[in-house]
PDB file of N, CA and C in Angstrom:
ATOM      1  N   MET A   1     103.376  88.810 108.549  1.00  0.00           N
ATOM      2  CA  MET A   1     102.464  88.639 109.652  1.00  0.00           C
ATOM      3  C   MET A   1     101.289  87.745 109.226  1.00  0.00           C
ATOM      4  N   ILE A   2     100.402  88.239 108.316  1.00  0.00           N
ATOM      5  CA  ILE A   2      99.285  87.383 107.899  1.00  0.00           C
ATOM      6  C   ILE A   2      99.283  87.065 106.409  1.00  0.00           C
ATOM      7  N   THR A   3      99.931  87.889 105.592  1.00  0.00           N
ATOM      8  CA  THR A   3      99.815  87.688 104.142  1.00  0.00           C
ATOM      9  C   THR A   3     100.469  86.398 103.663  1.00  0.00           C
ATOM     10  N   GLN A   4     101.293  85.795 104.482  1.00  0.00           N
ATOM     11  CA  GLN A   4     101.909  84.519 104.121  1.00  0.00           C
ATOM     12  C   GLN A   4     101.243  83.348 104.842  1.00  0.00           C
ATOM     13  N   SER A   5     100.141  83.628 105.535  1.00  0.00           N
ATOM     14  CA  SER A   5      99.488  82.583 106.321  1.00  0.00           C
ATOM     15  C   SER A   5      98.488  81.785 105.489  1.00  0.00           C
ATOM     16  N   LYS A   6      98.188  80.601 105.973  1.00  0.00           N
ATOM     17  CA  LYS A   6      97.187  79.747 105.321  1.00  0.00           C
ATOM     18  C   LYS A   6      95.823  80.438 105.331  1.00  0.00           C
ATOM     19  N   GLY A   7      95.511  81.117 106.425  1.00  0.00           N
ATOM     20  CA  GLY A   7      94.234  81.813 106.530  1.00  0.00           C
ATOM     21  C   GLY A   7      94.075  82.888 105.469  1.00  0.00           C
ATOM     22  N   TYR A   8      95.142  83.619 105.190  1.00  0.00           N
ATOM     23  CA  TYR A   8      95.068  84.666 104.177  1.00  0.00           C
ATOM     24  C   TYR A   8      94.923  84.061 102.780  1.00  0.00           C
ATOM     25  N   ILE A   9      95.642  82.996 102.525  1.00  0.00           N
ATOM     26  CA  ILE A   9      95.528  82.322 101.228  1.00  0.00           C
ATOM     27  C   ILE A   9      94.093  81.837 101.024  1.00  0.00           C
ATOM     28  N   GLU A  10      93.491  81.293 102.072  1.00  0.00           N
ATOM     29  CA  GLU A  10      92.093  80.860 101.987  1.00  0.00           C
ATOM     30  C   GLU A  10      91.160  82.047 101.777  1.00  0.00           C
ATOM     31  N   LEU A  11      91.487  83.176 102.377  1.00  0.00           N
ATOM     32  CA  LEU A  11      90.673  84.379 102.211  1.00  0.00           C
ATOM     33  C   LEU A  11      90.740  84.891 100.772  1.00  0.00           C
ATOM     34  N   VAL A  12      91.912  84.837 100.159  1.00  0.00           N
ATOM     35  CA  VAL A  12      92.044  85.228  98.752  1.00  0.00           C
ATOM     36  C   VAL A  12      91.259  84.251  97.872  1.00  0.00           C
ATOM     37  N   GLN A  13      91.297  82.970  98.212  1.00  0.00           N
ATOM     38  CA  GLN A  13      90.497  81.990  97.474  1.00  0.00           C
ATOM     39  C   GLN A  13      89.010  82.295  97.614  1.00  0.00           C
ATOM     40  N   TYR A  14      88.597  82.686  98.807  1.00  0.00           N
ATOM     41  CA  TYR A  14      87.200  83.073  99.042  1.00  0.00           C
ATOM     42  C   TYR A  14      86.823  84.245  98.142  1.00  0.00           C
ATOM     43  N   LEU A  15      87.716  85.209  98.027  1.00  0.00           N
ATOM     44  CA  LEU A  15      87.473  86.354  97.150  1.00  0.00           C
ATOM     45  C   LEU A  15      87.327  85.900  95.701  1.00  0.00           C
ATOM     46  N   THR A  16      88.230  85.066  95.239  1.00  0.00           N
ATOM     47  CA  THR A  16      88.163  84.632  93.842  1.00  0.00           C
ATOM     48  C   THR A  16      86.915  83.790  93.572  1.00  0.00           C
ATOM     49  N   GLU A  17      86.466  83.041  94.571  1.00  0.00           N
ATOM     50  CA  GLU A  17      85.239  82.256  94.415  1.00  0.00           C
ATOM     51  C   GLU A  17      83.998  83.145  94.324  1.00  0.00           C
ATOM     52  N   HIS A  18      84.110  84.368  94.821  1.00  0.00           N
ATOM     53  CA  HIS A  18      82.966  85.284  94.838  1.00  0.00           C
ATOM     54  C   HIS A  18      83.160  86.479  93.905  1.00  0.00           C
ATOM     55  N   LEU A  19      84.003  86.325  92.905  1.00  0.00           N
ATOM     56  CA  LEU A  19      84.219  87.420  91.952  1.00  0.00           C
ATOM     57  C   LEU A  19      82.945  87.806  91.218  1.00  0.00           C
ATOM     58  N   ASP A  20      82.022  86.863  91.105  1.00  0.00           N
ATOM     59  CA  ASP A  20      80.767  87.172  90.421  1.00  0.00           C
ATOM     60  C   ASP A  20      80.001  88.300  91.114  1.00  0.00           C
ATOM     61  N   VAL A  21      80.255  88.520  92.390  1.00  0.00           N
ATOM     62  CA  VAL A  21      79.633  89.641  93.105  1.00  0.00           C
ATOM     63  C   VAL A  21      79.996  90.960  92.427  1.00  0.00           C
ATOM     64  N   PHE A  22      81.192  91.015  91.859  1.00  0.00           N
ATOM     65  CA  PHE A  22      81.683  92.263  91.273  1.00  0.00           C
ATOM     66  C   PHE A  22      81.430  92.374  89.772  1.00  0.00           C
ATOM     67  N   THR A  23      80.736  91.417  89.196  1.00  0.00           N
ATOM     68  CA  THR A  23      80.470  91.493  87.755  1.00  0.00           C
ATOM     69  C   THR A  23      79.210  92.283  87.429  1.00  0.00           C
ATOM     70  N   GLN A  24      78.421  92.576  88.432  1.00  0.00           N
ATOM     71  CA  GLN A  24      77.180  93.325  88.218  1.00  0.00           C
ATOM     72  C   GLN A  24      77.355  94.766  88.684  1.00  0.00           C
ATOM     73  N   PRO A  25      77.613  95.702  87.769  1.00  0.00           N
ATOM     74  CA  PRO A  25      77.749  97.100  88.176  1.00  0.00           C
ATOM     75  C   PRO A  25      76.400  97.655  88.627  1.00  0.00           C
ATOM     76  N   ASP A  26      76.443  98.697  89.414  1.00  0.00           N
ATOM     77  CA  ASP A  26      75.216  99.328  89.894  1.00  0.00           C
ATOM     78  C   ASP A  26      74.981 100.609  89.109  1.00  0.00           C
ATOM     79  N   PRO A  27      74.100 100.580  88.117  1.00  0.00           N
ATOM     80  CA  PRO A  27      73.862 101.777  87.309  1.00  0.00           C
ATOM     81  C   PRO A  27      73.205 102.902  88.105  1.00  0.00           C
ATOM     82  N   ASP A  28      72.640 102.570  89.262  1.00  0.00           N
ATOM     83  CA  ASP A  28      71.969 103.574  90.082  1.00  0.00           C
ATOM     84  C   ASP A  28      72.863 104.145  91.177  1.00  0.00           C
ATOM     85  N   ALA A  29      74.142 103.798  91.167  1.00  0.00           N
ATOM     86  CA  ALA A  29      75.052 104.328  92.185  1.00  0.00           C
ATOM     87  C   ALA A  29      75.114 105.840  92.053  1.00  0.00           C
ATOM     88  N   PRO A  30      74.948 106.542  93.163  1.00  0.00           N
ATOM     89  CA  PRO A  30      74.930 108.002  93.079  1.00  0.00           C
ATOM     90  C   PRO A  30      76.282 108.568  92.659  1.00  0.00           C
ATOM     91  N   GLU A  31      76.224 109.647  91.924  1.00  0.00           N
ATOM     92  CA  GLU A  31      77.448 110.344  91.515  1.00  0.00           C
ATOM     93  C   GLU A  31      78.161 110.795  92.783  1.00  0.00           C
ATOM     94  N   GLY A  32      79.447 110.639  92.818  1.00  0.00           N
ATOM     95  CA  GLY A  32      80.215 111.029  93.995  1.00  0.00           C
ATOM     96  C   GLY A  32      80.351 109.919  95.021  1.00  0.00           C
ATOM     97  N   ALA A  33      79.669 108.796  94.791  1.00  0.00           N
ATOM     98  CA  ALA A  33      79.813 107.662  95.699  1.00  0.00           C
ATOM     99  C   ALA A  33      81.234 107.113  95.580  1.00  0.00           C
ATOM    100  N   LEU A  34      81.671 106.440  96.614  1.00  0.00           N
ATOM    101  CA  LEU A  34      83.009 105.856  96.599  1.00  0.00           C
ATOM    102  C   LEU A  34      83.116 104.782  95.524  1.00  0.00           C
ATOM    103  N   THR A  35      84.326 104.599  95.021  1.00  0.00           N
ATOM    104  CA  THR A  35      84.591 103.501  94.093  1.00  0.00           C
ATOM    105  C   THR A  35      84.872 102.233  94.900  1.00  0.00           C
ATOM    106  N   VAL A  36      84.939 101.114  94.217  1.00  0.00           N
ATOM    107  CA  VAL A  36      85.276  99.852  94.873  1.00  0.00           C
ATOM    108  C   VAL A  36      86.633  99.992  95.569  1.00  0.00           C
ATOM    109  N   ARG A  37      87.605 100.582  94.884  1.00  0.00           N
ATOM    110  CA  ARG A  37      88.937 100.787  95.467  1.00  0.00           C
ATOM    111  C   ARG A  37      88.837 101.617  96.746  1.00  0.00           C
ATOM    112  N   GLU A  38      88.106 102.717  96.680  1.00  0.00           N
ATOM    113  CA  GLU A  38      87.986 103.604  97.840  1.00  0.00           C
ATOM    114  C   GLU A  38      87.268 102.921  99.000  1.00  0.00           C
ATOM    115  N   CYS A  39      86.289 102.077  98.688  1.00  0.00           N
ATOM    116  CA  CYS A  39      85.604 101.325  99.747  1.00  0.00           C
ATOM    117  C   CYS A  39      86.575 100.384 100.457  1.00  0.00           C
ATOM    118  N   PHE A  40      87.362  99.650  99.678  1.00  0.00           N
ATOM    119  CA  PHE A  40      88.358  98.767 100.290  1.00  0.00           C
ATOM    120  C   PHE A  40      89.368  99.575 101.101  1.00  0.00           C
ATOM    121  N   GLU A  41      89.865 100.683 100.538  1.00  0.00           N
ATOM    122  CA  GLU A  41      90.841 101.513 101.245  1.00  0.00           C
ATOM    123  C   GLU A  41      90.272 102.021 102.560  1.00  0.00           C
ATOM    124  N   GLU A  42      89.037 102.517 102.520  1.00  0.00           N
ATOM    125  CA  GLU A  42      88.405 103.067 103.716  1.00  0.00           C
ATOM    126  C   GLU A  42      88.199 101.988 104.778  1.00  0.00           C
ATOM    127  N   GLN A  43      87.694 100.847 104.369  1.00  0.00           N
ATOM    128  CA  GLN A  43      87.457  99.762 105.319  1.00  0.00           C
ATOM    129  C   GLN A  43      88.769  99.239 105.914  1.00  0.00           C
ATOM    130  N   LEU A  44      89.788  99.080 105.072  1.00  0.00           N
ATOM    131  CA  LEU A  44      91.091  98.626 105.585  1.00  0.00           C
ATOM    132  C   LEU A  44      91.696  99.641 106.540  1.00  0.00           C
ATOM    133  N   ALA A  45      91.596 100.922 106.210  1.00  0.00           N
ATOM    134  CA  ALA A  45      92.140 101.963 107.084  1.00  0.00           C
ATOM    135  C   ALA A  45      91.446 101.940 108.445  1.00  0.00           C
ATOM    136  N   GLU A  46      90.121 101.801 108.442  1.00  0.00           N
ATOM    137  CA  GLU A  46      89.385 101.726 109.704  1.00  0.00           C
ATOM    138  C   GLU A  46      89.809 100.507 110.514  1.00  0.00           C
ATOM    139  N   SER A  47      90.001  99.385 109.847  1.00  0.00           N
ATOM    140  CA  SER A  47      90.419  98.169 110.542  1.00  0.00           C
ATOM    141  C   SER A  47      91.814  98.309 111.132  1.00  0.00           C
ATOM    142  N   VAL A  48      92.722  98.918 110.381  1.00  0.00           N
ATOM    143  CA  VAL A  48      94.082  99.128 110.888  1.00  0.00           C
ATOM    144  C   VAL A  48      94.044 100.013 112.130  1.00  0.00           C
ATOM    145  N   MET A  49      93.235 101.062 112.089  1.00  0.00           N
ATOM    146  CA  MET A  49      93.120 101.933 113.268  1.00  0.00           C
ATOM    147  C   MET A  49      92.544 101.166 114.451  1.00  0.00           C
ATOM    148  N   GLN A  50      91.537 100.341 114.219  1.00  0.00           N
ATOM    149  CA  GLN A  50      90.955  99.546 115.304  1.00  0.00           C
ATOM    150  C   GLN A  50      91.976  98.572 115.878  1.00  0.00           C
ATOM    151  N   ILE A  51      92.725  97.922 115.010  1.00  0.00           N
ATOM    152  CA  ILE A  51      93.743  96.971 115.468  1.00  0.00           C
ATOM    153  C   ILE A  51      94.755  97.678 116.350  1.00  0.00           C
ATOM    154  N   ASN A  52      95.216  98.839 115.906  1.00  0.00           N
ATOM    155  CA  ASN A  52      96.220  99.567 116.671  1.00  0.00           C
ATOM    156  C   ASN A  52      95.662 100.105 117.984  1.00  0.00           C
ATOM    157  N   GLN A  53      94.366 100.366 118.052  1.00  0.00           N
ATOM    158  CA  GLN A  53      93.756 100.843 119.291  1.00  0.00           C
ATOM    159  C   GLN A  53      93.429  99.697 120.241  1.00  0.00           C
ATOM    160  N   GLN A  54      93.058  98.548 119.705  1.00  0.00           N
ATOM    161  CA  GLN A  54      92.622  97.426 120.537  1.00  0.00           C
ATOM    162  C   GLN A  54      93.777  96.651 121.159  1.00  0.00           C
ATOM    163  N   HIS A  55      94.915  96.710 120.542  1.00  0.00           N
ATOM    164  CA  HIS A  55      96.053  95.923 121.011  1.00  0.00           C
ATOM    165  C   HIS A  55      97.191  96.858 121.407  1.00  0.00           C
ATOM    166  N   SER A  56      97.916  96.463 122.424  1.00  0.00           N
ATOM    167  CA  SER A  56      99.081  97.236 122.848  1.00  0.00           C
ATOM    168  C   SER A  56     100.264  96.840 121.973  1.00  0.00           C
ATOM    169  N   LEU A  57     100.370  97.501 120.835  1.00  0.00           N
ATOM    170  CA  LEU A  57     101.427  97.174 119.886  1.00  0.00           C
ATOM    171  C   LEU A  57     102.532  98.217 119.948  1.00  0.00           C
ATOM    172  N   ASP A  58     103.758  97.748 119.850  1.00  0.00           N
ATOM    173  CA  ASP A  58     104.851  98.703 119.758  1.00  0.00           C
ATOM    174  C   ASP A  58     104.890  99.270 118.341  1.00  0.00           C
ATOM    175  N   GLU A  59     105.739 100.260 118.135  1.00  0.00           N
ATOM    176  CA  GLU A  59     105.789 100.941 116.842  1.00  0.00           C
ATOM    177  C   GLU A  59     106.139  99.985 115.699  1.00  0.00           C
ATOM    178  N   THR A  60     107.039  99.061 115.948  1.00  0.00           N
ATOM    179  CA  THR A  60     107.433  98.102 114.916  1.00  0.00           C
ATOM    180  C   THR A  60     106.246  97.247 114.483  1.00  0.00           C
ATOM    181  N   ALA A  61     105.481  96.772 115.442  1.00  0.00           N
ATOM    182  CA  ALA A  61     104.310  95.946 115.121  1.00  0.00           C
ATOM    183  C   ALA A  61     103.255  96.767 114.387  1.00  0.00           C
ATOM    184  N   ARG A  62     103.057  98.008 114.797  1.00  0.00           N
ATOM    185  CA  ARG A  62     102.086  98.873 114.110  1.00  0.00           C
ATOM    186  C   ARG A  62     102.478  99.088 112.653  1.00  0.00           C
ATOM    187  N   LEU A  63     103.754  99.338 112.431  1.00  0.00           N
ATOM    188  CA  LEU A  63     104.230  99.524 111.057  1.00  0.00           C
ATOM    189  C   LEU A  63     104.069  98.242 110.239  1.00  0.00           C
ATOM    190  N   GLU A  64     104.260  97.108 110.873  1.00  0.00           N
ATOM    191  CA  GLU A  64     104.069  95.826 110.184  1.00  0.00           C
ATOM    192  C   GLU A  64     102.603  95.650 109.783  1.00  0.00           C
ATOM    193  N   VAL A  65     101.687  96.037 110.650  1.00  0.00           N
ATOM    194  CA  VAL A  65     100.260  95.958 110.322  1.00  0.00           C
ATOM    195  C   VAL A  65      99.957  96.842 109.118  1.00  0.00           C
ATOM    196  N   VAL A  66     100.520  98.048 109.093  1.00  0.00           N
ATOM    197  CA  VAL A  66     100.299  98.967 107.969  1.00  0.00           C
ATOM    198  C   VAL A  66     100.884  98.388 106.683  1.00  0.00           C
ATOM    199  N   ARG A  67     102.090  97.828 106.754  1.00  0.00           N
ATOM    200  CA  ARG A  67     102.711  97.208 105.571  1.00  0.00           C
ATOM    201  C   ARG A  67     101.866  96.045 105.055  1.00  0.00           C
ATOM    202  N   GLU A  68     101.360  95.252 105.971  1.00  0.00           N
ATOM    203  CA  GLU A  68     100.512  94.125 105.577  1.00  0.00           C
ATOM    204  C   GLU A  68      99.219  94.626 104.929  1.00  0.00           C
ATOM    205  N   ALA A  69      98.638  95.679 105.475  1.00  0.00           N
ATOM    206  CA  ALA A  69      97.418  96.246 104.883  1.00  0.00           C
ATOM    207  C   ALA A  69      97.703  96.744 103.470  1.00  0.00           C
ATOM    208  N   ASP A  70      98.859  97.361 103.267  1.00  0.00           N
ATOM    209  CA  ASP A  70      99.249  97.800 101.921  1.00  0.00           C
ATOM    210  C   ASP A  70      99.385  96.606 100.972  1.00  0.00           C
ATOM    211  N   ALA A  71      99.973  95.519 101.460  1.00  0.00           N
ATOM    212  CA  ALA A  71     100.129  94.315 100.634  1.00  0.00           C
ATOM    213  C   ALA A  71      98.765  93.714 100.293  1.00  0.00           C
ATOM    214  N   ILE A  72      97.854  93.742 101.244  1.00  0.00           N
ATOM    215  CA  ILE A  72      96.502  93.229 101.007  1.00  0.00           C
ATOM    216  C   ILE A  72      95.806  94.076  99.957  1.00  0.00           C
ATOM    217  N   LEU A  73      95.934  95.393 100.073  1.00  0.00           N
ATOM    218  CA  LEU A  73      95.321  96.278  99.081  1.00  0.00           C
ATOM    219  C   LEU A  73      95.914  96.020  97.699  1.00  0.00           C
ATOM    220  N   TYR A  74      97.211  95.782  97.634  1.00  0.00           N
ATOM    221  CA  TYR A  74      97.853  95.458  96.354  1.00  0.00           C
ATOM    222  C   TYR A  74      97.252  94.177  95.771  1.00  0.00           C
ATOM    223  N   ASP A  75      97.079  93.155  96.619  1.00  0.00           N
ATOM    224  CA  ASP A  75      96.475  91.903  96.149  1.00  0.00           C
ATOM    225  C   ASP A  75      95.058  92.142  95.633  1.00  0.00           C
ATOM    226  N   LEU A  76      94.304  92.951  96.354  1.00  0.00           N
ATOM    227  CA  LEU A  76      92.937  93.266  95.923  1.00  0.00           C
ATOM    228  C   LEU A  76      92.940  93.984  94.584  1.00  0.00           C
ATOM    229  N   GLU A  77      93.893  94.889  94.405  1.00  0.00           N
ATOM    230  CA  GLU A  77      94.001  95.610  93.133  1.00  0.00           C
ATOM    231  C   GLU A  77      94.306  94.653  91.989  1.00  0.00           C
ATOM    232  N   GLU A  78      95.115  93.643  92.249  1.00  0.00           N
ATOM    233  CA  GLU A  78      95.443  92.656  91.223  1.00  0.00           C
ATOM    234  C   GLU A  78      94.209  91.838  90.835  1.00  0.00           C
ATOM    235  N   VAL A  79      93.469  91.392  91.823  1.00  0.00           N
ATOM    236  CA  VAL A  79      92.323  90.518  91.569  1.00  0.00           C
ATOM    237  C   VAL A  79      91.138  91.292  90.989  1.00  0.00           C
ATOM    238  N   LEU A  80      90.946  92.523  91.451  1.00  0.00           N
ATOM    239  CA  LEU A  80      89.749  93.289  91.073  1.00  0.00           C
ATOM    240  C   LEU A  80      90.048  94.459  90.145  1.00  0.00           C
ATOM    241  N   SER A  81      91.133  94.386  89.411  1.00  0.00           N
ATOM    242  CA  SER A  81      91.577  95.530  88.605  1.00  0.00           C
ATOM    243  C   SER A  81      90.510  96.064  87.658  1.00  0.00           C
ATOM    244  N   SER A  82      89.674  95.209  87.130  1.00  0.00           N
ATOM    245  CA  SER A  82      88.689  95.664  86.139  1.00  0.00           C
ATOM    246  C   SER A  82      87.508  96.418  86.744  1.00  0.00           C
ATOM    247  N   VAL A  83      87.341  96.337  88.059  1.00  0.00           N
ATOM    248  CA  VAL A  83      86.175  96.993  88.678  1.00  0.00           C
ATOM    249  C   VAL A  83      86.537  98.033  89.729  1.00  0.00           C
ATOM    250  N   LEU A  84      87.807  98.257  89.962  1.00  0.00           N
ATOM    251  CA  LEU A  84      88.227  99.138  91.052  1.00  0.00           C
ATOM    252  C   LEU A  84      87.687 100.555  90.951  1.00  0.00           C
ATOM    253  N   ASP A  85      87.529 101.065  89.759  1.00  0.00           N
ATOM    254  CA  ASP A  85      87.100 102.451  89.602  1.00  0.00           C
ATOM    255  C   ASP A  85      85.598 102.590  89.374  1.00  0.00           C
ATOM    256  N   LYS A  86      84.871 101.503  89.561  1.00  0.00           N
ATOM    257  CA  LYS A  86      83.411 101.538  89.420  1.00  0.00           C
ATOM    258  C   LYS A  86      82.767 101.757  90.779  1.00  0.00           C
ATOM    259  N   ARG A  87      81.552 102.248  90.752  1.00  0.00           N
ATOM    260  CA  ARG A  87      80.786 102.448  91.981  1.00  0.00           C
ATOM    261  C   ARG A  87      80.214 101.099  92.424  1.00  0.00           C
ATOM    262  N   PRO A  88      80.382 100.741  93.687  1.00  0.00           N
ATOM    263  CA  PRO A  88      79.888  99.441  94.136  1.00  0.00           C
ATOM    264  C   PRO A  88      78.380  99.438  94.369  1.00  0.00           C
ATOM    265  N   SER A  89      77.789  98.291  94.146  1.00  0.00           N
ATOM    266  CA  SER A  89      76.379  98.079  94.476  1.00  0.00           C
ATOM    267  C   SER A  89      76.292  97.815  95.982  1.00  0.00           C
ATOM    268  N   PRO A  90      75.102  97.849  96.547  1.00  0.00           N
ATOM    269  CA  PRO A  90      74.964  97.503  97.969  1.00  0.00           C
ATOM    270  C   PRO A  90      75.495  96.096  98.284  1.00  0.00           C
ATOM    271  N   THR A  91      75.293  95.153  97.378  1.00  0.00           N
ATOM    272  CA  THR A  91      75.812  93.797  97.578  1.00  0.00           C
ATOM    273  C   THR A  91      77.336  93.798  97.603  1.00  0.00           C
ATOM    274  N   GLN A  92      77.943  94.569  96.720  1.00  0.00           N
ATOM    275  CA  GLN A  92      79.402  94.661  96.683  1.00  0.00           C
ATOM    276  C   GLN A  92      79.929  95.335  97.948  1.00  0.00           C
ATOM    277  N   GLU A  93      79.256  96.389  98.386  1.00  0.00           N
ATOM    278  CA  GLU A  93      79.674  97.059  99.624  1.00  0.00           C
ATOM    279  C   GLU A  93      79.603  96.100 100.802  1.00  0.00           C
ATOM    280  N   ALA A  94      78.533  95.314 100.874  1.00  0.00           N
ATOM    281  CA  ALA A  94      78.396  94.342 101.962  1.00  0.00           C
ATOM    282  C   ALA A  94      79.521  93.310 101.903  1.00  0.00           C
ATOM    283  N   PHE A  95      79.881  92.862 100.705  1.00  0.00           N
ATOM    284  CA  PHE A  95      80.972  91.903 100.563  1.00  0.00           C
ATOM    285  C   PHE A  95      82.291  92.529 101.020  1.00  0.00           C
ATOM    286  N   ILE A  96      82.523  93.780 100.648  1.00  0.00           N
ATOM    287  CA  ILE A  96      83.752  94.472 101.037  1.00  0.00           C
ATOM    288  C   ILE A  96      83.853  94.544 102.555  1.00  0.00           C
ATOM    289  N   VAL A  97      82.768  94.929 103.215  1.00  0.00           N
ATOM    290  CA  VAL A  97      82.759  95.014 104.681  1.00  0.00           C
ATOM    291  C   VAL A  97      83.033  93.642 105.288  1.00  0.00           C
ATOM    292  N   GLU A  98      82.389  92.611 104.751  1.00  0.00           N
ATOM    293  CA  GLU A  98      82.597  91.255 105.254  1.00  0.00           C
ATOM    294  C   GLU A  98      84.048  90.810 105.048  1.00  0.00           C
ATOM    295  N   PHE A  99      84.584  91.028 103.858  1.00  0.00           N
ATOM    296  CA  PHE A  99      85.945  90.602 103.539  1.00  0.00           C
ATOM    297  C   PHE A  99      86.956  91.291 104.455  1.00  0.00           C
ATOM    298  N   VAL A 100      86.823  92.596 104.612  1.00  0.00           N
ATOM    299  CA  VAL A 100      87.766  93.330 105.460  1.00  0.00           C
ATOM    300  C   VAL A 100      87.601  92.911 106.926  1.00  0.00           C
ATOM    301  N   GLY A 101      86.390  92.588 107.332  1.00  0.00           N
ATOM    302  CA  GLY A 101      86.187  92.065 108.684  1.00  0.00           C
ATOM    303  C   GLY A 101      86.935  90.758 108.895  1.00  0.00           C
ATOM    304  N   LEU A 102      86.941  89.911 107.882  1.00  0.00           N
ATOM    305  CA  LEU A 102      87.692  88.655 107.965  1.00  0.00           C
ATOM    306  C   LEU A 102      89.195  88.916 108.010  1.00  0.00           C
ATOM    307  N   VAL A 103      89.652  89.915 107.269  1.00  0.00           N
ATOM    308  CA  VAL A 103      91.069  90.304 107.323  1.00  0.00           C
ATOM    309  C   VAL A 103      91.411  90.757 108.740  1.00  0.00           C
ATOM    310  N   LYS A 104      90.551  91.579 109.316  1.00  0.00           N
ATOM    311  CA  LYS A 104      90.790  92.059 110.685  1.00  0.00           C
ATOM    312  C   LYS A 104      90.844  90.887 111.661  1.00  0.00           C
ATOM    313  N   ASN A 105      89.955  89.910 111.482  1.00  0.00           N
ATOM    314  CA  ASN A 105      89.983  88.732 112.345  1.00  0.00           C
ATOM    315  C   ASN A 105      91.318  87.999 112.248  1.00  0.00           C
ATOM    316  N   LEU A 106      91.881  87.923 111.045  1.00  0.00           N
ATOM    317  CA  LEU A 106      93.201  87.296 110.888  1.00  0.00           C
ATOM    318  C   LEU A 106      94.261  88.060 111.665  1.00  0.00           C
ATOM    319  N   PHE A 107      94.233  89.392 111.553  1.00  0.00           N
ATOM    320  CA  PHE A 107      95.185  90.211 112.310  1.00  0.00           C
ATOM    321  C   PHE A 107      95.006  89.986 113.810  1.00  0.00           C
ATOM    322  N   ASP A 108      93.763  90.058 114.280  1.00  0.00           N
ATOM    323  CA  ASP A 108      93.501  89.890 115.711  1.00  0.00           C
ATOM    324  C   ASP A 108      94.000  88.540 116.205  1.00  0.00           C
ATOM    325  N   SER A 109      93.727  87.487 115.439  1.00  0.00           N
ATOM    326  CA  SER A 109      94.173  86.145 115.833  1.00  0.00           C
ATOM    327  C   SER A 109      95.688  86.057 115.895  1.00  0.00           C
ATOM    328  N   LYS A 110      96.354  86.634 114.911  1.00  0.00           N
ATOM    329  CA  LYS A 110      97.819  86.595 114.876  1.00  0.00           C
ATOM    330  C   LYS A 110      98.406  87.371 116.044  1.00  0.00           C
ATOM    331  N   ILE A 111      97.849  88.537 116.311  1.00  0.00           N
ATOM    332  CA  ILE A 111      98.373  89.377 117.390  1.00  0.00           C
ATOM    333  C   ILE A 111      98.147  88.721 118.749  1.00  0.00           C
ATOM    334  N   MET A 112      97.009  88.064 118.915  1.00  0.00           N
ATOM    335  CA  MET A 112      96.683  87.449 120.203  1.00  0.00           C
ATOM    336  C   MET A 112      97.449  86.151 120.449  1.00  0.00           C
ATOM    337  N   SER A 113      98.012  85.564 119.393  1.00  0.00           N
ATOM    338  CA  SER A 113      98.710  84.280 119.581  1.00  0.00           C
ATOM    339  C   SER A 113     100.144  84.468 120.003  1.00  0.00           C
TER     340      SER A 113
END
């Protein structure tokens, strides 16, 4: 659906260009705060639910969206493996929200076309 698209490839390039965002750990992150992995998982899950609610998708299309989200999470794990279990800083959280929002935009564009 989107993971083989030019837009997704550009989005992964955008992530790699901004890896420096994830090189600064937040020593003041509260204990029990979500990890970088959990933040991505939570944001992607929310986006998948929004996509499925906003569009009249049949079961096959919904499952495809979920499979694509899993593939995206796998790609994120590959690129960010060294920081996935660390607590994100506010800057990292903002980047995660922005990145997942861009992923959702790709899904919305694909579904609407």
